[in-house]
Every structure is written in C-alpha cells, then in structure tokens.
Amino acid sequence: MGKIGSVMPLDKILFAYPTLLREGMPASRIYTPEPLVTGIKGNSIQSFVVTAGLALETNKFVVTELDILFEGKGMVLDSGETGKVEHPIRKIIKNQQVIYLSSMFVNQVEISKSGCYEIHISVYLLNSEHEKTETIVDKHSSFFYVLTEEDE
C-alpha cells in the first residue's frame, strides 16, 4: 500500500460506541466510550450518545440510521425526539475522502435488563433531491454491555 493520498476512497463506518447521558453530565466535544454501562435501573428509559467514526467520499450525500437492539428487538422507543448530530472532528484528505466523528444523540432507549446490547448503524445514499435511497453505503454493528443496579 502506498501513501494515503494514492489510496482509493472507501466508504466505511470505522467504529461505533455508546456513552450514557447522565443527569448533570457536562456537554463534551468527544464522548468517552462505555463498553460497560452501570448504575441504571432495569426497565428504565435512558438517553445515549453513539459516536461513530466514518470515512466517506466527499462527493456523496448520505443519511445515517441508527438503532439499539436487545435480543434482536429495537429498543429506541421514540425516534421523533432523536436525531441531534454533532461532528466534533472532520478532516478531508488528499484523495477526496472525509474522515470524521459523528456523535448521534438517541433519546428514549428502553433498557429492560442486564445483557449485551447492539448498536446497528446503516449509511444510505441520498439522491439528487436529497431523499434517502435503498442504496446502502455501509452498515456496522458494535456491542456494549449493561449491568443494571439489580444485578450489580
């Protein structure tokens, strides 16, 4: 493999991780990964920031969809209040590639009990009218563990 500038652009979700938004938690430029979430009750509603690293061609318009699953079931109760996105880091490199962090705020996530939860992210291409198409640019799953107060 040669210099980064000579590498063909790729469209990839590089990683994704959760951060539980706790009451009184200060806003952050970059949120700390929490592979183990503790200190919350089972059968509760929580809010998370899911931070993803992405590498995309600069000439593409995309939309990102996100879900949090437990035992195969979607746990985001109201996607209408979800959707705030921040991009704290963004860098365009020589081969028309943008590498960036995307912090996606997800409200109303049901945490039913302790266990392994899945973050599922899909990036879809937008058409010339900026409407979502069925063309998936990339998809990615990552996992985190919840240990509720009842099981601590």
C-alpha atoms as a PDB file:
ATOM      1  CA  MET A   1       0.000   0.000   0.000  1.00  0.00           C
ATOM      2  CA  GLY A   2       1.361   3.430  -0.947  1.00  0.00           C
ATOM      3  CA  LYS A   3       0.844   6.856   0.544  1.00  0.00           C
ATOM      4  CA  ILE A   4      -2.619   7.675   1.882  1.00  0.00           C
ATOM      5  CA  GLY A   5      -3.166  10.183  -0.919  1.00  0.00           C
ATOM      6  CA  SER A   6      -2.901   7.414  -3.519  1.00  0.00           C
ATOM      7  CA  VAL A   7      -5.344   5.041  -1.828  1.00  0.00           C
ATOM      8  CA  MET A   8      -8.752   4.713  -3.479  1.00  0.00           C
ATOM      9  CA  PRO A   9     -11.513   6.357  -1.459  1.00  0.00           C
ATOM     10  CA  LEU A  10     -13.614   3.991   0.597  1.00  0.00           C
ATOM     11  CA  ASP A  11     -16.976   4.359   2.269  1.00  0.00           C
ATOM     12  CA  LYS A  12     -16.830   2.802   5.711  1.00  0.00           C
ATOM     13  CA  ILE A  13     -18.232   3.041   9.185  1.00  0.00           C
ATOM     14  CA  LEU A  14     -14.993   2.564  11.081  1.00  0.00           C
ATOM     15  CA  PHE A  15     -16.376   2.072  14.597  1.00  0.00           C
ATOM     16  CA  ALA A  16     -19.265   2.957  16.912  1.00  0.00           C
ATOM     17  CA  TYR A  17     -19.528   3.176  20.681  1.00  0.00           C
ATOM     18  CA  PRO A  18     -22.093   4.339  23.269  1.00  0.00           C
ATOM     19  CA  THR A  19     -21.956   6.891  26.068  1.00  0.00           C
ATOM     20  CA  LEU A  20     -24.806   7.011  28.582  1.00  0.00           C
ATOM     21  CA  LEU A  21     -26.079  10.569  29.093  1.00  0.00           C
ATOM     22  CA  ARG A  22     -26.391  11.020  32.834  1.00  0.00           C
ATOM     23  CA  GLU A  23     -28.209  13.852  34.590  1.00  0.00           C
ATOM     24  CA  GLY A  24     -25.862  16.781  35.193  1.00  0.00           C
ATOM     25  CA  MET A  25     -23.274  15.411  32.757  1.00  0.00           C
ATOM     26  CA  PRO A  26     -21.435  18.277  31.042  1.00  0.00           C
ATOM     27  CA  ALA A  27     -21.542  18.518  27.260  1.00  0.00           C
ATOM     28  CA  SER A  28     -18.412  17.120  25.684  1.00  0.00           C
ATOM     29  CA  ARG A  29     -16.606  17.632  22.445  1.00  0.00           C
ATOM     30  CA  ILE A  30     -15.760  13.921  22.317  1.00  0.00           C
ATOM     31  CA  TYR A  31     -17.693  11.457  24.458  1.00  0.00           C
ATOM     32  CA  THR A  32     -15.905   8.666  26.333  1.00  0.00           C
ATOM     33  CA  PRO A  33     -16.680   5.087  25.229  1.00  0.00           C
ATOM     34  CA  GLU A  34     -18.655   2.980  27.711  1.00  0.00           C
ATOM     35  CA  PRO A  35     -18.376  -0.703  26.829  1.00  0.00           C
ATOM     36  CA  LEU A  36     -19.957  -1.426  30.235  1.00  0.00           C
ATOM     37  CA  VAL A  37     -22.887   0.757  31.315  1.00  0.00           C
ATOM     38  CA  THR A  38     -23.697   0.566  35.037  1.00  0.00           C
ATOM     39  CA  GLY A  39     -25.684   2.482  37.644  1.00  0.00           C
ATOM     40  CA  ILE A  40     -29.074   2.367  35.931  1.00  0.00           C
ATOM     41  CA  LYS A  41     -32.259   0.531  36.806  1.00  0.00           C
ATOM     42  CA  GLY A  42     -33.741  -2.249  34.695  1.00  0.00           C
ATOM     43  CA  ASN A  43     -36.974  -1.400  32.862  1.00  0.00           C
ATOM     44  CA  SER A  44     -35.902   2.231  32.563  1.00  0.00           C
ATOM     45  CA  ILE A  45     -35.691   4.751  29.745  1.00  0.00           C
ATOM     46  CA  GLN A  46     -32.231   6.181  29.066  1.00  0.00           C
ATOM     47  CA  SER A  47     -30.513   8.537  26.622  1.00  0.00           C
ATOM     48  CA  PHE A  48     -27.252   7.780  24.852  1.00  0.00           C
ATOM     49  CA  VAL A  49     -24.768   9.417  22.535  1.00  0.00           C
ATOM     50  CA  VAL A  50     -23.498   6.976  19.927  1.00  0.00           C
ATOM     51  CA  THR A  51     -20.210   8.117  18.473  1.00  0.00           C
ATOM     52  CA  ALA A  52     -19.181   6.697  15.117  1.00  0.00           C
ATOM     53  CA  GLY A  53     -16.069   7.161  13.035  1.00  0.00           C
ATOM     54  CA  LEU A  54     -16.755   7.325   9.309  1.00  0.00           C
ATOM     55  CA  ALA A  55     -14.717   7.509   6.125  1.00  0.00           C
ATOM     56  CA  LEU A  56     -16.693   8.654   3.066  1.00  0.00           C
ATOM     57  CA  GLU A  57     -16.036  10.149  -0.336  1.00  0.00           C
ATOM     58  CA  THR A  58     -16.536  13.916  -0.230  1.00  0.00           C
ATOM     59  CA  ASN A  59     -18.855  13.975  -3.269  1.00  0.00           C
ATOM     60  CA  LYS A  60     -21.543  11.736  -1.697  1.00  0.00           C
ATOM     61  CA  PHE A  61     -24.624  12.823   0.193  1.00  0.00           C
ATOM     62  CA  VAL A  62     -25.709  10.302   2.806  1.00  0.00           C
ATOM     63  CA  VAL A  63     -28.061   9.785   5.709  1.00  0.00           C
ATOM     64  CA  THR A  64     -27.282   7.691   8.770  1.00  0.00           C
ATOM     65  CA  GLU A  65     -29.821   5.459  10.512  1.00  0.00           C
ATOM     66  CA  LEU A  66     -29.190   4.099  13.982  1.00  0.00           C
ATOM     67  CA  ASP A  67     -30.879   1.565  16.230  1.00  0.00           C
ATOM     68  CA  ILE A  68     -30.060  -0.017  19.576  1.00  0.00           C
ATOM     69  CA  LEU A  69     -31.158  -3.639  19.867  1.00  0.00           C
ATOM     70  CA  PHE A  70     -31.505  -6.115  22.716  1.00  0.00           C
ATOM     71  CA  GLU A  71     -32.102  -9.774  21.912  1.00  0.00           C
ATOM     72  CA  GLY A  72     -32.903  -8.714  18.331  1.00  0.00           C
ATOM     73  CA  LYS A  73     -35.587  -6.177  19.325  1.00  0.00           C
ATOM     74  CA  GLY A  74     -35.300  -2.439  18.650  1.00  0.00           C
ATOM     75  CA  MET A  75     -35.123  -0.551  21.949  1.00  0.00           C
ATOM     76  CA  VAL A  76     -35.414   3.056  20.691  1.00  0.00           C
ATOM     77  CA  LEU A  77     -38.979   3.986  21.654  1.00  0.00           C
ATOM     78  CA  ASP A  78     -39.414   7.378  20.011  1.00  0.00           C
ATOM     79  CA  SER A  79     -37.144   8.230  17.128  1.00  0.00           C
ATOM     80  CA  GLY A  80     -39.045  11.542  16.756  1.00  0.00           C
ATOM     81  CA  GLU A  81     -37.061  13.057  19.644  1.00  0.00           C
ATOM     82  CA  THR A  82     -33.824  11.509  18.461  1.00  0.00           C
ATOM     83  CA  GLY A  83     -31.678  12.927  15.767  1.00  0.00           C
ATOM     84  CA  LYS A  84     -29.370  15.634  17.054  1.00  0.00           C
ATOM     85  CA  VAL A  85     -25.963  15.053  15.472  1.00  0.00           C
ATOM     86  CA  GLU A  86     -22.623  16.738  16.100  1.00  0.00           C
ATOM     87  CA  HIS A  87     -19.402  16.374  14.088  1.00  0.00           C
ATOM     88  CA  PRO A  88     -16.621  17.375  16.512  1.00  0.00           C
ATOM     89  CA  ILE A  89     -13.767  16.244  14.257  1.00  0.00           C
ATOM     90  CA  ARG A  90     -13.622  16.337  10.470  1.00  0.00           C
ATOM     91  CA  LYS A  91     -10.661  16.127   8.092  1.00  0.00           C
ATOM     92  CA  ILE A  92     -10.624  15.976   4.301  1.00  0.00           C
ATOM     93  CA  ILE A  93      -7.590  14.154   2.951  1.00  0.00           C
ATOM     94  CA  LYS A  94      -5.957  14.228  -0.482  1.00  0.00           C
ATOM     95  CA  ASN A  95      -7.996  11.538  -2.230  1.00  0.00           C
ATOM     96  CA  GLN A  96     -11.360  13.349  -1.800  1.00  0.00           C
ATOM     97  CA  GLN A  97     -12.055  11.389   1.351  1.00  0.00           C
ATOM     98  CA  VAL A  98     -13.535  12.851   4.520  1.00  0.00           C
ATOM     99  CA  ILE A  99     -12.780  11.173   7.845  1.00  0.00           C
ATOM    100  CA  TYR A 100     -14.980  12.326  10.700  1.00  0.00           C
ATOM    101  CA  LEU A 101     -16.600  11.617  14.038  1.00  0.00           C
ATOM    102  CA  SER A 102     -20.365  11.728  14.254  1.00  0.00           C
ATOM    103  CA  SER A 103     -21.975  11.974  17.700  1.00  0.00           C
ATOM    104  CA  MET A 104     -25.614  10.914  17.395  1.00  0.00           C
ATOM    105  CA  PHE A 105     -27.993  11.590  20.280  1.00  0.00           C
ATOM    106  CA  VAL A 106     -30.511   8.811  20.942  1.00  0.00           C
ATOM    107  CA  ASN A 107     -33.289   9.557  23.428  1.00  0.00           C
ATOM    108  CA  GLN A 108     -35.923   7.167  24.754  1.00  0.00           C
ATOM    109  CA  VAL A 109     -33.903   3.935  24.774  1.00  0.00           C
ATOM    110  CA  GLU A 110     -35.559   1.175  26.793  1.00  0.00           C
ATOM    111  CA  ILE A 111     -33.105  -0.705  28.995  1.00  0.00           C
ATOM    112  CA  SER A 112     -35.104  -3.759  30.033  1.00  0.00           C
ATOM    113  CA  LYS A 113     -32.424  -5.707  31.899  1.00  0.00           C
ATOM    114  CA  SER A 114     -28.738  -6.552  32.094  1.00  0.00           C
ATOM    115  CA  GLY A 115     -27.181  -8.011  28.985  1.00  0.00           C
ATOM    116  CA  CYS A 116     -25.464  -7.368  25.682  1.00  0.00           C
ATOM    117  CA  TYR A 117     -26.981  -4.573  23.573  1.00  0.00           C
ATOM    118  CA  GLU A 118     -26.211  -3.993  19.890  1.00  0.00           C
ATOM    119  CA  ILE A 119     -25.665  -0.687  18.131  1.00  0.00           C
ATOM    120  CA  HIS A 120     -26.655  -1.011  14.474  1.00  0.00           C
ATOM    121  CA  ILE A 121     -25.768   1.791  12.065  1.00  0.00           C
ATOM    122  CA  SER A 122     -26.596   1.987   8.351  1.00  0.00           C
ATOM    123  CA  VAL A 123     -25.497   4.711   5.946  1.00  0.00           C
ATOM    124  CA  TYR A 124     -27.715   5.244   2.899  1.00  0.00           C
ATOM    125  CA  LEU A 125     -27.028   7.212  -0.258  1.00  0.00           C
ATOM    126  CA  LEU A 126     -29.242  10.241  -0.947  1.00  0.00           C
ATOM    127  CA  ASN A 127     -30.490  11.007  -4.453  1.00  0.00           C
ATOM    128  CA  SER A 128     -30.183  14.368  -6.220  1.00  0.00           C
ATOM    129  CA  GLU A 129     -33.271  15.632  -4.345  1.00  0.00           C
ATOM    130  CA  HIS A 130     -31.562  14.666  -1.051  1.00  0.00           C
ATOM    131  CA  GLU A 131     -34.060  11.859  -0.402  1.00  0.00           C
ATOM    132  CA  LYS A 132     -32.956   8.540   1.062  1.00  0.00           C
ATOM    133  CA  THR A 133     -32.477   5.743  -1.471  1.00  0.00           C
ATOM    134  CA  GLU A 134     -32.329   1.999  -0.804  1.00  0.00           C
ATOM    135  CA  THR A 135     -28.600   2.000  -1.648  1.00  0.00           C
ATOM    136  CA  ILE A 136     -26.646   1.068   1.468  1.00  0.00           C
ATOM    137  CA  VAL A 137     -23.204   2.676   1.512  1.00  0.00           C
ATOM    138  CA  ASP A 138     -22.155   0.673   4.589  1.00  0.00           C
ATOM    139  CA  LYS A 139     -23.545  -0.880   7.742  1.00  0.00           C
ATOM    140  CA  HIS A 140     -21.906  -1.701  11.037  1.00  0.00           C
ATOM    141  CA  SER A 141     -22.757  -3.344  14.336  1.00  0.00           C
ATOM    142  CA  SER A 142     -20.972  -3.000  17.637  1.00  0.00           C
ATOM    143  CA  PHE A 143     -21.900  -4.117  21.109  1.00  0.00           C
ATOM    144  CA  PHE A 144     -21.926  -2.920  24.704  1.00  0.00           C
ATOM    145  CA  TYR A 145     -22.933  -4.498  27.977  1.00  0.00           C
ATOM    146  CA  VAL A 146     -25.433  -3.157  30.505  1.00  0.00           C
ATOM    147  CA  LEU A 147     -25.283  -4.216  34.155  1.00  0.00           C
ATOM    148  CA  THR A 148     -28.392  -2.882  35.907  1.00  0.00           C
ATOM    149  CA  GLU A 149     -28.433  -1.895  39.583  1.00  0.00           C
ATOM    150  CA  GLU A 150     -30.439  -5.035  40.344  1.00  0.00           C
ATOM    151  CA  ASP A 151     -27.536  -7.203  39.124  1.00  0.00           C
ATOM    152  CA  GLU A 152     -24.578  -5.206  40.491  1.00  0.00           C
END
